[in-house]
PDB file of all heavy atoms in Angstrom:
ATOM      1  N   ALA A   1       0.839  -1.203  -0.005  1.00  0.00           N
ATOM      2  CA  ALA A   1      -0.004   0.021  -0.004  1.00  0.00           C
ATOM      3  C   ALA A   1       0.914   1.244   0.018  1.00  0.00           C
ATOM      4  O   ALA A   1       1.920   1.299   0.665  1.00  0.00           O
ATOM      5  CB  ALA A   1      -0.927   0.047   1.182  1.00  0.00           C
ATOM      6  N   GLU A   2       0.386   2.323  -0.710  1.00  0.00           N
ATOM      7  CA  GLU A   2       1.117   3.521  -0.823  1.00  0.00           C
ATOM      8  C   GLU A   2       0.160   4.701  -0.536  1.00  0.00           C
ATOM      9  O   GLU A   2      -0.910   4.753  -1.083  1.00  0.00           O
ATOM     10  CB  GLU A   2       1.734   3.704  -2.176  1.00  0.00           C
ATOM     11  CG  GLU A   2       2.586   4.956  -2.365  1.00  0.00           C
ATOM     12  CD  GLU A   2       3.350   4.941  -3.714  1.00  0.00           C
ATOM     13  OE1 GLU A   2       3.849   3.857  -4.072  1.00  0.00           O
ATOM     14  OE2 GLU A   2       3.371   6.032  -4.301  1.00  0.00           O
ATOM     15  N   GLY A   3       0.546   5.622   0.327  1.00  0.00           N
ATOM     16  CA  GLY A   3      -0.258   6.763   0.659  1.00  0.00           C
ATOM     17  C   GLY A   3       0.456   7.609   1.700  1.00  0.00           C
ATOM     18  O   GLY A   3       1.602   7.380   1.975  1.00  0.00           O
ATOM     19  N   SER A   4      -0.277   8.445   2.379  1.00  0.00           N
ATOM     20  CA  SER A   4       0.333   9.245   3.421  1.00  0.00           C
ATOM     21  C   SER A   4       0.449   8.417   4.650  1.00  0.00           C
ATOM     22  O   SER A   4      -0.168   7.415   4.761  1.00  0.00           O
ATOM     23  CB  SER A   4      -0.563  10.493   3.708  1.00  0.00           C
ATOM     24  OG  SER A   4      -1.762  10.113   4.291  1.00  0.00           O
ATOM     25  N   ALA A   5       1.243   8.990   5.590  1.00  0.00           N
ATOM     26  CA  ALA A   5       1.374   8.267   6.892  1.00  0.00           C
ATOM     27  C   ALA A   5       0.044   8.127   7.643  1.00  0.00           C
ATOM     28  O   ALA A   5      -0.238   7.119   8.225  1.00  0.00           O
ATOM     29  CB  ALA A   5       2.373   9.077   7.764  1.00  0.00           C
ATOM     30  N   GLU A   6      -0.786   9.193   7.508  1.00  0.00           N
ATOM     31  CA  GLU A   6      -2.081   9.137   8.185  1.00  0.00           C
ATOM     32  C   GLU A   6      -3.025   8.110   7.532  1.00  0.00           C
ATOM     33  O   GLU A   6      -3.687   7.389   8.205  1.00  0.00           O
ATOM     34  CB  GLU A   6      -2.747  10.532   8.131  1.00  0.00           C
ATOM     35  CG  GLU A   6      -2.016  11.594   8.958  1.00  0.00           C
ATOM     36  CD  GLU A   6      -0.761  12.123   8.306  1.00  0.00           C
ATOM     37  OE1 GLU A   6      -0.578  11.837   7.104  1.00  0.00           O
ATOM     38  OE2 GLU A   6      -0.033  12.833   8.986  1.00  0.00           O
ATOM     39  N   GLN A   7      -3.025   8.039   6.173  1.00  0.00           N
ATOM     40  CA  GLN A   7      -3.860   7.073   5.475  1.00  0.00           C
ATOM     41  C   GLN A   7      -3.415   5.633   5.807  1.00  0.00           C
ATOM     42  O   GLN A   7      -4.265   4.797   6.080  1.00  0.00           O
ATOM     43  CB  GLN A   7      -3.718   7.297   3.978  1.00  0.00           C
ATOM     44  CG  GLN A   7      -4.443   8.564   3.461  1.00  0.00           C
ATOM     45  CD  GLN A   7      -4.117   8.813   2.003  1.00  0.00           C
ATOM     46  OE1 GLN A   7      -2.885   8.721   1.611  1.00  0.00           O
ATOM     47  NE2 GLN A   7      -5.087   9.242   1.239  1.00  0.00           N
ATOM     48  N   LEU A   8      -2.092   5.385   5.822  1.00  0.00           N
ATOM     49  CA  LEU A   8      -1.589   4.059   6.151  1.00  0.00           C
ATOM     50  C   LEU A   8      -1.893   3.683   7.526  1.00  0.00           C
ATOM     51  O   LEU A   8      -2.157   2.515   7.785  1.00  0.00           O
ATOM     52  CB  LEU A   8      -0.058   4.053   5.801  1.00  0.00           C
ATOM     53  CG  LEU A   8       0.285   4.063   4.297  1.00  0.00           C
ATOM     54  CD1 LEU A   8       1.723   4.328   4.119  1.00  0.00           C
ATOM     55  CD2 LEU A   8      -0.200   2.824   3.588  1.00  0.00           C
ATOM     56  N   ALA A   9      -1.785   4.615   8.463  1.00  0.00           N
ATOM     57  CA  ALA A   9      -2.080   4.278   9.861  1.00  0.00           C
ATOM     58  C   ALA A   9      -3.537   3.937  10.066  1.00  0.00           C
ATOM     59  O   ALA A   9      -3.883   2.921  10.786  1.00  0.00           O
ATOM     60  CB  ALA A   9      -1.692   5.454  10.703  1.00  0.00           C
ATOM     61  N   SER A  10      -4.404   4.650   9.440  1.00  0.00           N
ATOM     62  CA  SER A  10      -5.839   4.402   9.547  1.00  0.00           C
ATOM     63  C   SER A  10      -6.180   3.031   8.910  1.00  0.00           C
ATOM     64  O   SER A  10      -6.939   2.233   9.389  1.00  0.00           O
ATOM     65  CB  SER A  10      -6.705   5.498   8.910  1.00  0.00           C
ATOM     66  OG  SER A  10      -6.525   6.714   9.580  1.00  0.00           O
ATOM     67  N   PHE A  11      -5.577   2.762   7.731  1.00  0.00           N
ATOM     68  CA  PHE A  11      -5.758   1.510   6.984  1.00  0.00           C
ATOM     69  C   PHE A  11      -5.307   0.355   7.847  1.00  0.00           C
ATOM     70  O   PHE A  11      -6.057  -0.611   7.969  1.00  0.00           O
ATOM     71  CB  PHE A  11      -5.005   1.649   5.715  1.00  0.00           C
ATOM     72  CG  PHE A  11      -4.921   0.350   4.884  1.00  0.00           C
ATOM     73  CD1 PHE A  11      -6.130  -0.017   4.196  1.00  0.00           C
ATOM     74  CD2 PHE A  11      -3.859  -0.457   4.688  1.00  0.00           C
ATOM     75  CE1 PHE A  11      -6.121  -1.150   3.374  1.00  0.00           C
ATOM     76  CE2 PHE A  11      -3.856  -1.555   4.005  1.00  0.00           C
ATOM     77  CZ  PHE A  11      -4.996  -1.945   3.328  1.00  0.00           C
ATOM     78  N   ALA A  12      -4.158   0.426   8.452  1.00  0.00           N
ATOM     79  CA  ALA A  12      -3.652  -0.627   9.259  1.00  0.00           C
ATOM     80  C   ALA A  12      -4.523  -0.897  10.425  1.00  0.00           C
ATOM     81  O   ALA A  12      -4.814  -2.096  10.847  1.00  0.00           O
ATOM     82  CB  ALA A  12      -2.226  -0.362   9.700  1.00  0.00           C
ATOM     83  N   ARG A  13      -4.960   0.139  11.066  1.00  0.00           N
ATOM     84  CA  ARG A  13      -5.856  -0.118  12.263  1.00  0.00           C
ATOM     85  C   ARG A  13      -7.181  -0.758  11.836  1.00  0.00           C
ATOM     86  O   ARG A  13      -7.663  -1.739  12.512  1.00  0.00           O
ATOM     87  CB  ARG A  13      -6.203   1.330  12.858  1.00  0.00           C
ATOM     88  CG  ARG A  13      -7.004   1.162  14.131  1.00  0.00           C
ATOM     89  CD  ARG A  13      -7.375   2.524  14.704  1.00  0.00           C
ATOM     90  NE  ARG A  13      -8.269   3.276  13.844  1.00  0.00           N
ATOM     91  CZ  ARG A  13      -7.965   4.302  13.152  1.00  0.00           C
ATOM     92  NH1 ARG A  13      -6.705   4.789  13.094  1.00  0.00           N
ATOM     93  NH2 ARG A  13      -8.801   4.939  12.395  1.00  0.00           N
ATOM     94  N   GLU A  14      -7.818  -0.308  10.710  1.00  0.00           N
ATOM     95  CA  GLU A  14      -9.074  -0.903  10.310  1.00  0.00           C
ATOM     96  C   GLU A  14      -8.932  -2.316   9.788  1.00  0.00           C
ATOM     97  O   GLU A  14      -9.864  -3.075   9.782  1.00  0.00           O
ATOM     98  CB  GLU A  14      -9.759   0.039   9.345  1.00  0.00           C
ATOM     99  CG  GLU A  14     -10.171   1.347  10.012  1.00  0.00           C
ATOM    100  CD  GLU A  14     -10.862   2.316   9.090  1.00  0.00           C
ATOM    101  OE1 GLU A  14     -11.250   1.880   7.903  1.00  0.00           O
ATOM    102  OE2 GLU A  14     -11.150   3.433   9.446  1.00  0.00           O
ATOM    103  N   LEU A  15      -7.771  -2.643   9.238  1.00  0.00           N
ATOM    104  CA  LEU A  15      -7.545  -3.997   8.785  1.00  0.00           C
ATOM    105  C   LEU A  15      -7.822  -4.951   9.915  1.00  0.00           C
ATOM    106  O   LEU A  15      -8.370  -6.043   9.772  1.00  0.00           O
ATOM    107  CB  LEU A  15      -6.108  -4.183   8.326  1.00  0.00           C
ATOM    108  CG  LEU A  15      -5.740  -3.776   6.918  1.00  0.00           C
ATOM    109  CD1 LEU A  15      -4.261  -3.931   6.613  1.00  0.00           C
ATOM    110  CD2 LEU A  15      -6.512  -4.645   5.874  1.00  0.00           C
ATOM    111  N   ARG A  16      -7.362  -4.629  11.171  1.00  0.00           N
ATOM    112  CA  ARG A  16      -7.544  -5.528  12.316  1.00  0.00           C
ATOM    113  C   ARG A  16      -8.860  -5.305  12.971  1.00  0.00           C
ATOM    114  O   ARG A  16      -9.513  -6.328  13.437  1.00  0.00           O
ATOM    115  CB  ARG A  16      -6.467  -5.185  13.319  1.00  0.00           C
ATOM    116  CG  ARG A  16      -5.066  -5.770  12.872  1.00  0.00           C
ATOM    117  CD  ARG A  16      -3.941  -5.261  13.714  1.00  0.00           C
ATOM    118  NE  ARG A  16      -3.606  -3.851  13.483  1.00  0.00           N
ATOM    119  CZ  ARG A  16      -2.464  -3.191  13.824  1.00  0.00           C
ATOM    120  NH1 ARG A  16      -1.620  -3.958  14.460  1.00  0.00           N
ATOM    121  NH2 ARG A  16      -2.296  -2.008  13.619  1.00  0.00           N
ATOM    122  N   GLU A  17      -9.409  -4.076  12.988  1.00  0.00           N
ATOM    123  CA  GLU A  17     -10.651  -3.843  13.712  1.00  0.00           C
ATOM    124  C   GLU A  17     -11.902  -4.205  12.925  1.00  0.00           C
ATOM    125  O   GLU A  17     -12.935  -4.570  13.541  1.00  0.00           O
ATOM    126  CB  GLU A  17     -10.733  -2.371  14.113  1.00  0.00           C
ATOM    127  CG  GLU A  17      -9.679  -1.894  15.152  1.00  0.00           C
ATOM    128  CD  GLU A  17      -9.773  -0.434  15.433  1.00  0.00           C
ATOM    129  OE1 GLU A  17     -10.602   0.260  14.798  1.00  0.00           O
ATOM    130  OE2 GLU A  17      -9.058   0.000  16.356  1.00  0.00           O
ATOM    131  N   LEU A  18     -11.800  -4.186  11.596  1.00  0.00           N
ATOM    132  CA  LEU A  18     -13.056  -4.366  10.792  1.00  0.00           C
ATOM    133  C   LEU A  18     -12.970  -5.590   9.919  1.00  0.00           C
ATOM    134  O   LEU A  18     -13.684  -5.792   9.006  1.00  0.00           O
ATOM    135  CB  LEU A  18     -13.241  -3.140   9.899  1.00  0.00           C
ATOM    136  CG  LEU A  18     -13.315  -1.775  10.585  1.00  0.00           C
ATOM    137  CD1 LEU A  18     -13.529  -0.677   9.566  1.00  0.00           C
ATOM    138  CD2 LEU A  18     -14.499  -1.709  11.595  1.00  0.00           C
ATOM    139  N   ALA A  19     -12.053  -6.526  10.212  1.00  0.00           N
ATOM    140  CA  ALA A  19     -11.905  -7.709   9.419  1.00  0.00           C
ATOM    141  C   ALA A  19     -13.168  -8.475   9.288  1.00  0.00           C
ATOM    142  O   ALA A  19     -13.991  -8.494  10.115  1.00  0.00           O
ATOM    143  CB  ALA A  19     -10.811  -8.587  10.044  1.00  0.00           C
ATOM    144  N   PRO A  20     -13.329  -9.230   8.126  1.00  0.00           N
ATOM    145  CA  PRO A  20     -14.564  -9.937   7.930  1.00  0.00           C
ATOM    146  C   PRO A  20     -14.871 -10.901   9.059  1.00  0.00           C
ATOM    147  O   PRO A  20     -13.976 -11.486   9.659  1.00  0.00           O
ATOM    148  CB  PRO A  20     -14.300 -10.715   6.666  1.00  0.00           C
ATOM    149  CG  PRO A  20     -13.247  -9.867   5.894  1.00  0.00           C
ATOM    150  CD  PRO A  20     -12.423  -9.334   6.982  1.00  0.00           C
ATOM    151  N   PRO A  21     -16.168 -11.092   9.386  1.00  0.00           N
ATOM    152  CA  PRO A  21     -16.549 -11.908  10.569  1.00  0.00           C
ATOM    153  C   PRO A  21     -16.095 -13.368  10.532  1.00  0.00           C
ATOM    154  O   PRO A  21     -15.855 -13.971  11.559  1.00  0.00           O
ATOM    155  CB  PRO A  21     -18.049 -11.844  10.569  1.00  0.00           C
ATOM    156  CG  PRO A  21     -18.494 -11.383   9.189  1.00  0.00           C
ATOM    157  CD  PRO A  21     -17.287 -10.610   8.709  1.00  0.00           C
ATOM    158  N   LEU A  22     -15.883 -13.969   9.290  1.00  0.00           N
ATOM    159  CA  LEU A  22     -15.415 -15.329   9.218  1.00  0.00           C
ATOM    160  C   LEU A  22     -13.942 -15.483   9.266  1.00  0.00           C
ATOM    161  O   LEU A  22     -13.436 -16.595   9.203  1.00  0.00           O
ATOM    162  CB  LEU A  22     -15.988 -15.950   7.918  1.00  0.00           C
ATOM    163  CG  LEU A  22     -17.488 -16.014   7.795  1.00  0.00           C
ATOM    164  CD1 LEU A  22     -17.845 -16.738   6.497  1.00  0.00           C
ATOM    165  CD2 LEU A  22     -18.105 -16.760   9.018  1.00  0.00           C
ATOM    166  N   SER A  23     -13.232 -14.321   9.257  1.00  0.00           N
ATOM    167  CA  SER A  23     -11.746 -14.427   9.228  1.00  0.00           C
ATOM    168  C   SER A  23     -11.267 -14.530  10.715  1.00  0.00           C
ATOM    169  O   SER A  23     -11.931 -14.245  11.661  1.00  0.00           O
ATOM    170  CB  SER A  23     -11.218 -13.071   8.587  1.00  0.00           C
ATOM    171  OG  SER A  23     -11.455 -11.931   9.341  1.00  0.00           O
ATOM    172  N   ARG A  24      -9.913 -14.828  10.782  1.00  0.00           N
ATOM    173  CA  ARG A  24      -9.245 -14.860  12.054  1.00  0.00           C
ATOM    174  C   ARG A  24      -7.730 -14.458  11.788  1.00  0.00           C
ATOM    175  O   ARG A  24      -7.110 -15.174  11.049  1.00  0.00           O
ATOM    176  CB  ARG A  24      -9.297 -16.279  12.634  1.00  0.00           C
ATOM    177  CG  ARG A  24      -8.783 -16.296  14.115  1.00  0.00           C
ATOM    178  CD  ARG A  24      -8.563 -17.717  14.630  1.00  0.00           C
ATOM    179  NE  ARG A  24      -7.423 -18.354  14.027  1.00  0.00           N
ATOM    180  CZ  ARG A  24      -7.334 -19.636  13.741  1.00  0.00           C
ATOM    181  NH1 ARG A  24      -8.403 -20.417  13.891  1.00  0.00           N
ATOM    182  NH2 ARG A  24      -6.263 -20.150  13.182  1.00  0.00           N
ATOM    183  N   ILE A  25      -7.339 -13.347  12.401  1.00  0.00           N
ATOM    184  CA  ILE A  25      -5.956 -12.871  12.261  1.00  0.00           C
ATOM    185  C   ILE A  25      -5.150 -13.438  13.366  1.00  0.00           C
ATOM    186  O   ILE A  25      -5.343 -13.183  14.533  1.00  0.00           O
ATOM    187  CB  ILE A  25      -6.000 -11.327  12.246  1.00  0.00           C
ATOM    188  CG1 ILE A  25      -6.717 -10.736  11.082  1.00  0.00           C
ATOM    189  CG2 ILE A  25      -4.479 -10.826  12.252  1.00  0.00           C
ATOM    190  CD1 ILE A  25      -6.793  -9.258  10.992  1.00  0.00           C
ATOM    191  N   ASP A  26      -4.187 -14.306  12.986  1.00  0.00           N
ATOM    192  CA  ASP A  26      -3.255 -14.819  13.997  1.00  0.00           C
ATOM    193  C   ASP A  26      -1.968 -14.073  14.099  1.00  0.00           C
ATOM    194  O   ASP A  26      -1.401 -13.975  15.191  1.00  0.00           O
ATOM    195  CB  ASP A  26      -2.923 -16.316  13.529  1.00  0.00           C
ATOM    196  CG  ASP A  26      -4.112 -17.274  13.640  1.00  0.00           C
ATOM    197  OD1 ASP A  26      -5.063 -16.904  14.420  1.00  0.00           O
ATOM    198  OD2 ASP A  26      -4.144 -18.294  12.960  1.00  0.00           O
ATOM    199  N   HIS A  27      -1.487 -13.465  13.021  1.00  0.00           N
ATOM    200  CA  HIS A  27      -0.281 -12.719  13.079  1.00  0.00           C
ATOM    201  C   HIS A  27      -0.399 -11.575  12.054  1.00  0.00           C
ATOM    202  O   HIS A  27      -0.792 -11.751  10.915  1.00  0.00           O
ATOM    203  CB  HIS A  27       0.897 -13.623  12.714  1.00  0.00           C
ATOM    204  CG  HIS A  27       2.179 -12.850  12.789  1.00  0.00           C
ATOM    205  ND1 HIS A  27       2.947 -12.458  11.685  1.00  0.00           N
ATOM    206  CD2 HIS A  27       2.951 -12.450  13.858  1.00  0.00           C
ATOM    207  CE1 HIS A  27       4.017 -11.860  12.049  1.00  0.00           C
ATOM    208  NE2 HIS A  27       4.084 -11.842  13.394  1.00  0.00           N
ATOM    209  N   PHE A  28       0.014 -10.344  12.466  1.00  0.00           N
ATOM    210  CA  PHE A  28      -0.107  -9.166  11.596  1.00  0.00           C
ATOM    211  C   PHE A  28       1.293  -8.501  11.656  1.00  0.00           C
ATOM    212  O   PHE A  28       1.804  -8.166  12.745  1.00  0.00           O
ATOM    213  CB  PHE A  28      -1.190  -8.252  12.175  1.00  0.00           C
ATOM    214  CG  PHE A  28      -1.418  -6.966  11.369  1.00  0.00           C
ATOM    215  CD1 PHE A  28      -2.500  -6.909  10.460  1.00  0.00           C
ATOM    216  CD2 PHE A  28      -0.568  -5.857  11.496  1.00  0.00           C
ATOM    217  CE1 PHE A  28      -2.729  -5.750   9.707  1.00  0.00           C
ATOM    218  CE2 PHE A  28      -0.827  -4.768  10.757  1.00  0.00           C
ATOM    219  CZ  PHE A  28      -1.892  -4.707   9.865  1.00  0.00           C
ATOM    220  N   SER A  29       1.854  -8.239  10.520  1.00  0.00           N
ATOM    221  CA  SER A  29       3.141  -7.585  10.464  1.00  0.00           C
ATOM    222  C   SER A  29       3.130  -6.569   9.334  1.00  0.00           C
ATOM    223  O   SER A  29       2.423  -6.645   8.382  1.00  0.00           O
ATOM    224  CB  SER A  29       4.298  -8.555  10.227  1.00  0.00           C
ATOM    225  OG  SER A  29       4.145  -9.172   8.960  1.00  0.00           O
ATOM    226  N   GLU A  30       3.986  -5.526   9.504  1.00  0.00           N
ATOM    227  CA  GLU A  30       4.212  -4.540   8.405  1.00  0.00           C
ATOM    228  C   GLU A  30       5.548  -4.072   8.410  1.00  0.00           C
ATOM    229  O   GLU A  30       6.301  -4.159   9.423  1.00  0.00           O
ATOM    230  CB  GLU A  30       3.230  -3.442   8.687  1.00  0.00           C
ATOM    231  CG  GLU A  30       3.397  -2.612   9.998  1.00  0.00           C
ATOM    232  CD  GLU A  30       2.419  -1.427  10.162  1.00  0.00           C
ATOM    233  OE1 GLU A  30       2.587  -0.413   9.461  1.00  0.00           O
ATOM    234  OE2 GLU A  30       1.444  -1.599  10.928  1.00  0.00           O
ATOM    235  N   ARG A  31       6.027  -3.605   7.160  1.00  0.00           N
ATOM    236  CA  ARG A  31       7.377  -3.079   7.073  1.00  0.00           C
ATOM    237  C   ARG A  31       7.356  -2.007   5.983  1.00  0.00           C
ATOM    238  O   ARG A  31       6.514  -2.009   5.171  1.00  0.00           O
ATOM    239  CB  ARG A  31       8.315  -4.187   6.666  1.00  0.00           C
ATOM    240  CG  ARG A  31       8.081  -4.822   5.323  1.00  0.00           C
ATOM    241  CD  ARG A  31       9.017  -6.035   5.055  1.00  0.00           C
ATOM    242  NE  ARG A  31       8.825  -6.588   3.753  1.00  0.00           N
ATOM    243  CZ  ARG A  31       9.607  -6.347   2.689  1.00  0.00           C
ATOM    244  NH1 ARG A  31      10.596  -5.519   2.770  1.00  0.00           N
ATOM    245  NH2 ARG A  31       9.303  -6.987   1.558  1.00  0.00           N
ATOM    246  N   GLU A  32       8.309  -1.121   6.087  1.00  0.00           N
ATOM    247  CA  GLU A  32       8.442  -0.033   5.073  1.00  0.00           C
ATOM    248  C   GLU A  32       9.051  -0.586   3.843  1.00  0.00           C
ATOM    249  O   GLU A  32       9.893  -1.468   3.868  1.00  0.00           O
ATOM    250  CB  GLU A  32       9.377   1.027   5.657  1.00  0.00           C
ATOM    251  CG  GLU A  32       8.915   1.847   6.870  1.00  0.00           C
ATOM    252  CD  GLU A  32       7.651   2.672   6.570  1.00  0.00           C
ATOM    253  OE1 GLU A  32       7.534   3.111   5.433  1.00  0.00           O
ATOM    254  OE2 GLU A  32       6.886   2.980   7.568  1.00  0.00           O
ATOM    255  N   LEU A  33       8.569  -0.030   2.701  1.00  0.00           N
ATOM    256  CA  LEU A  33       9.081  -0.396   1.341  1.00  0.00           C
ATOM    257  C   LEU A  33       9.733   0.905   0.795  1.00  0.00           C
ATOM    258  O   LEU A  33       9.235   2.014   0.983  1.00  0.00           O
ATOM    259  CB  LEU A  33       8.040  -0.890   0.430  1.00  0.00           C
ATOM    260  CG  LEU A  33       7.371  -2.195   0.812  1.00  0.00           C
ATOM    261  CD1 LEU A  33       6.253  -2.466  -0.199  1.00  0.00           C
ATOM    262  CD2 LEU A  33       8.386  -3.340   0.793  1.00  0.00           C
ATOM    263  N   PRO A  34      10.787   0.712  -0.011  1.00  0.00           N
ATOM    264  CA  PRO A  34      11.358   1.976  -0.651  1.00  0.00           C
ATOM    265  C   PRO A  34      10.458   2.515  -1.731  1.00  0.00           C
ATOM    266  O   PRO A  34       9.684   1.764  -2.341  1.00  0.00           O
ATOM    267  CB  PRO A  34      12.711   1.385  -1.237  1.00  0.00           C
ATOM    268  CG  PRO A  34      12.425  -0.043  -1.421  1.00  0.00           C
ATOM    269  CD  PRO A  34      11.587  -0.475  -0.366  1.00  0.00           C
ATOM    270  N   LEU A  35      10.589   3.763  -1.975  1.00  0.00           N
ATOM    271  CA  LEU A  35       9.803   4.438  -3.074  1.00  0.00           C
ATOM    272  C   LEU A  35      10.483   4.338  -4.374  1.00  0.00           C
ATOM    273  O   LEU A  35      10.018   5.024  -5.335  1.00  0.00           O
ATOM    274  CB  LEU A  35       9.593   5.927  -2.621  1.00  0.00           C
ATOM    275  CG  LEU A  35       8.507   6.173  -1.637  1.00  0.00           C
ATOM    276  CD1 LEU A  35       8.544   7.605  -1.154  1.00  0.00           C
ATOM    277  CD2 LEU A  35       7.134   5.803  -2.120  1.00  0.00           C
ATOM    278  N   ALA A  36      11.441   3.484  -4.503  1.00  0.00           N
ATOM    279  CA  ALA A  36      12.152   3.328  -5.842  1.00  0.00           C
ATOM    280  C   ALA A  36      11.199   2.659  -6.817  1.00  0.00           C
ATOM    281  O   ALA A  36      10.130   2.214  -6.509  1.00  0.00           O
ATOM    282  CB  ALA A  36      13.437   2.431  -5.621  1.00  0.00           C
ATOM    283  N   HIS A  37      11.614   2.591  -8.052  1.00  0.00           N
ATOM    284  CA  HIS A  37      10.815   2.007  -9.137  1.00  0.00           C
ATOM    285  C   HIS A  37      10.369   0.659  -8.748  1.00  0.00           C
ATOM    286  O   HIS A  37      11.111  -0.150  -8.325  1.00  0.00           O
ATOM    287  CB  HIS A  37      11.634   1.926 -10.430  1.00  0.00           C
ATOM    288  CG  HIS A  37      10.956   1.178 -11.515  1.00  0.00           C
ATOM    289  ND1 HIS A  37       9.777   1.677 -12.186  1.00  0.00           N
ATOM    290  CD2 HIS A  37      11.120  -0.062 -11.948  1.00  0.00           C
ATOM    291  CE1 HIS A  37       9.411   0.733 -13.062  1.00  0.00           C
ATOM    292  NE2 HIS A  37      10.209  -0.253 -12.960  1.00  0.00           N
ATOM    293  N   ASP A  38       9.072   0.387  -8.861  1.00  0.00           N
ATOM    294  CA  ASP A  38       8.490  -0.897  -8.518  1.00  0.00           C
ATOM    295  C   ASP A  38       7.255  -1.114  -9.415  1.00  0.00           C
ATOM    296  O   ASP A  38       6.324  -0.311  -9.359  1.00  0.00           O
ATOM    297  CB  ASP A  38       8.117  -0.946  -7.058  1.00  0.00           C
ATOM    298  CG  ASP A  38       7.643  -2.322  -6.591  1.00  0.00           C
ATOM    299  OD1 ASP A  38       7.155  -3.068  -7.443  1.00  0.00           O
ATOM    300  OD2 ASP A  38       7.742  -2.614  -5.405  1.00  0.00           O
ATOM    301  N   PRO A  39       7.247  -2.108 -10.293  1.00  0.00           N
ATOM    302  CA  PRO A  39       6.113  -2.298 -11.138  1.00  0.00           C
ATOM    303  C   PRO A  39       4.798  -2.538 -10.514  1.00  0.00           C
ATOM    304  O   PRO A  39       3.704  -2.322 -11.039  1.00  0.00           O
ATOM    305  CB  PRO A  39       6.489  -3.585 -12.039  1.00  0.00           C
ATOM    306  CG  PRO A  39       7.552  -4.227 -11.143  1.00  0.00           C
ATOM    307  CD  PRO A  39       8.310  -3.123 -10.420  1.00  0.00           C
ATOM    308  N   ASP A  40       4.837  -2.930  -9.193  1.00  0.00           N
ATOM    309  CA  ASP A  40       3.579  -3.130  -8.520  1.00  0.00           C
ATOM    310  C   ASP A  40       2.917  -1.776  -8.100  1.00  0.00           C
ATOM    311  O   ASP A  40       1.768  -1.643  -7.777  1.00  0.00           O
ATOM    312  CB  ASP A  40       3.800  -3.922  -7.200  1.00  0.00           C
ATOM    313  CG  ASP A  40       3.897  -5.345  -7.529  1.00  0.00           C
ATOM    314  OD1 ASP A  40       3.319  -5.849  -8.487  1.00  0.00           O
ATOM    315  OD2 ASP A  40       4.670  -6.074  -6.733  1.00  0.00           O
ATOM    316  N   PHE A  41       3.734  -0.669  -8.116  1.00  0.00           N
ATOM    317  CA  PHE A  41       3.202   0.641  -7.740  1.00  0.00           C
ATOM    318  C   PHE A  41       3.352   1.698  -8.853  1.00  0.00           C
ATOM    319  O   PHE A  41       2.433   2.445  -9.018  1.00  0.00           O
ATOM    320  CB  PHE A  41       3.945   1.123  -6.533  1.00  0.00           C
ATOM    321  CG  PHE A  41       3.711   0.380  -5.276  1.00  0.00           C
ATOM    322  CD1 PHE A  41       4.569  -0.672  -4.896  1.00  0.00           C
ATOM    323  CD2 PHE A  41       2.652   0.717  -4.451  1.00  0.00           C
ATOM    324  CE1 PHE A  41       4.282  -1.366  -3.713  1.00  0.00           C
ATOM    325  CE2 PHE A  41       2.465   0.004  -3.259  1.00  0.00           C
ATOM    326  CZ  PHE A  41       3.257  -1.085  -2.940  1.00  0.00           C
TER     327      PHE A  41
END
């Protein structure tokens, strides 16, 4: 995901708080990615 720090923080929080009812999150991790050329972005 790419966006502002505020957008990413809200996104990360809601990933855990609003997850689908049939899901179960056992482990959640995040890391910074460089802004260099990347075909995915």
